[in-house]
Amino acid sequence: MNTSVRRFPDGFLFGAATAAYQIEGAAFEDGRTASIWDAFAREPGAVLNGETGDVACDHYHRYADDVRLMGELGLQAYRFSTSWARVRPDGGAVNPAGLAFYDRLVDELLAGGI
């Protein structure tokens, strides 16, 4: 049996990734409009138990705690997606409140060294 310790190469970053619809919640707050996924999830029988991303993990409200937990886990990188329904509701003009959320999130990540 091989019991040697294997190490990751120098510069390797441990991280996590999320998708906006699956984590953010706040489906209709601060100017966010329905996305294709919002509509799909509301179709009868489309999603198990009729669950939606309306609340999800509530990352929109809990992002600071989430980033703190990332730091406690030792994460060094975080890849997240943006919700176009939050940034450009209905494909129209940019929503300042939507951009402000991602600005706060990035500031929190940088402050946490992630």
Protein backbone atom coordinates (compact mmCIF):
# COMPACT_ATOMS: atom_id res chain seq x y z
CA MET A 1 0.00 0.00 0.00
CA ASN A 2 1.30 3.43 -0.98
CA THR A 3 1.09 5.81 2.00
CA SER A 4 3.08 8.70 0.54
CA VAL A 5 1.55 12.15 0.73
CA ARG A 6 0.72 13.75 -2.60
CA ARG A 7 0.82 17.51 -2.88
CA PHE A 8 -0.78 19.92 -5.26
CA PRO A 9 1.63 21.97 -7.35
CA ASP A 10 2.67 25.46 -6.24
CA GLY A 11 0.13 28.03 -7.34
CA PHE A 12 -2.80 25.60 -7.24
CA LEU A 13 -5.93 27.38 -6.01
CA PHE A 14 -8.69 25.63 -4.08
CA GLY A 15 -12.03 27.14 -4.94
CA ALA A 16 -15.73 26.72 -5.53
CA ALA A 17 -18.23 27.70 -8.19
CA THR A 18 -21.91 28.61 -8.15
CA ALA A 19 -24.69 29.44 -10.58
CA ALA A 20 -26.81 32.53 -9.93
CA TYR A 21 -30.20 30.83 -10.28
CA GLN A 22 -29.24 28.01 -7.94
CA ILE A 23 -27.83 30.16 -5.13
CA GLU A 24 -29.02 33.78 -5.16
CA GLY A 25 -32.75 33.69 -4.47
CA ALA A 26 -34.32 37.18 -4.19
CA ALA A 27 -36.05 36.31 -7.45
CA PHE A 28 -38.05 39.51 -7.75
CA GLU A 29 -36.11 41.99 -5.60
CA ASP A 30 -34.25 45.14 -6.59
CA GLY A 31 -35.52 45.14 -10.15
CA ARG A 32 -34.82 41.51 -11.03
CA THR A 33 -37.33 40.09 -13.48
CA ALA A 34 -38.23 36.52 -14.37
CA SER A 35 -35.65 34.49 -16.24
CA ILE A 36 -36.24 31.54 -18.53
CA TRP A 37 -35.51 29.26 -15.55
CA ASP A 38 -38.07 31.08 -13.41
CA ALA A 39 -40.72 30.46 -16.06
CA PHE A 40 -39.66 26.84 -16.60
CA ALA A 41 -39.69 26.00 -12.89
CA ARG A 42 -43.28 27.25 -12.66
CA GLU A 43 -44.51 24.85 -15.35
CA PRO A 44 -46.51 22.05 -13.69
CA GLY A 45 -44.43 18.87 -13.59
CA ALA A 46 -41.26 20.51 -14.92
CA VAL A 47 -39.34 20.40 -11.63
CA LEU A 48 -39.50 17.83 -8.85
CA ASN A 49 -41.86 19.02 -6.10
CA GLY A 50 -42.48 22.25 -8.03
CA GLU A 51 -39.41 23.85 -6.44
CA THR A 52 -38.14 27.18 -7.75
CA GLY A 53 -35.09 29.36 -7.26
CA ASP A 54 -37.16 32.10 -5.60
CA VAL A 55 -35.26 31.71 -2.32
CA ALA A 56 -32.56 29.16 -3.24
CA CYS A 57 -29.71 29.50 -0.69
CA ASP A 58 -30.58 33.18 -0.18
CA HIS A 59 -27.06 34.18 -1.20
CA TYR A 60 -28.41 37.58 -2.25
CA HIS A 61 -29.01 38.41 1.40
CA ARG A 62 -26.41 36.12 2.99
CA TYR A 63 -23.41 36.73 0.71
CA ALA A 64 -21.25 38.20 3.50
CA ASP A 65 -21.77 35.10 5.66
CA ASP A 66 -21.18 32.89 2.63
CA VAL A 67 -17.87 34.61 1.90
CA ARG A 68 -16.86 34.28 5.56
CA LEU A 69 -17.58 30.54 5.33
CA MET A 70 -15.50 30.32 2.16
CA GLY A 71 -12.61 31.83 4.06
CA GLU A 72 -13.06 29.41 6.95
CA LEU A 73 -12.90 26.56 4.44
CA GLY A 74 -9.64 27.94 3.10
CA LEU A 75 -10.97 28.67 -0.37
CA GLN A 76 -8.73 30.85 -2.49
CA ALA A 77 -10.92 31.25 -5.57
CA TYR A 78 -14.60 31.59 -6.35
CA ARG A 79 -16.27 31.47 -9.76
CA PHE A 80 -19.82 32.80 -9.86
CA SER A 81 -22.25 33.53 -12.63
CA THR A 82 -24.30 36.68 -12.93
CA SER A 83 -28.06 36.75 -13.38
CA TRP A 84 -28.91 38.64 -16.55
CA ALA A 85 -32.45 38.99 -15.19
CA ARG A 86 -30.87 40.94 -12.32
CA VAL A 87 -28.32 42.95 -14.35
CA ARG A 88 -30.43 43.69 -17.44
CA PRO A 89 -34.07 42.97 -16.58
CA ASP A 90 -36.07 42.09 -19.68
CA GLY A 91 -32.93 42.61 -21.77
CA GLY A 92 -33.27 46.37 -21.38
CA ALA A 93 -31.19 48.97 -19.64
CA VAL A 94 -28.67 48.04 -16.99
CA ASN A 95 -30.17 47.75 -13.51
CA PRO A 96 -27.95 49.70 -11.06
CA ALA A 97 -29.28 47.70 -8.08
CA GLY A 98 -28.35 44.46 -9.82
CA LEU A 99 -24.81 45.64 -10.50
CA ALA A 100 -24.53 46.93 -6.94
CA PHE A 101 -25.12 43.41 -5.60
CA TYR A 102 -22.23 41.98 -7.61
CA ASP A 103 -20.07 44.96 -6.65
CA ARG A 104 -20.72 44.26 -2.95
CA LEU A 105 -20.03 40.56 -3.48
CA VAL A 106 -16.69 41.20 -5.21
CA ASP A 107 -15.69 43.71 -2.52
CA GLU A 108 -16.46 41.10 0.16
CA LEU A 109 -14.47 38.44 -1.70
CA LEU A 110 -11.47 40.72 -2.08
CA ALA A 111 -11.62 41.74 1.58
CA GLY A 112 -11.67 38.03 2.45
CA GLY A 113 -8.63 37.30 0.30
CA ILE A 114 -10.60 35.21 -2.17
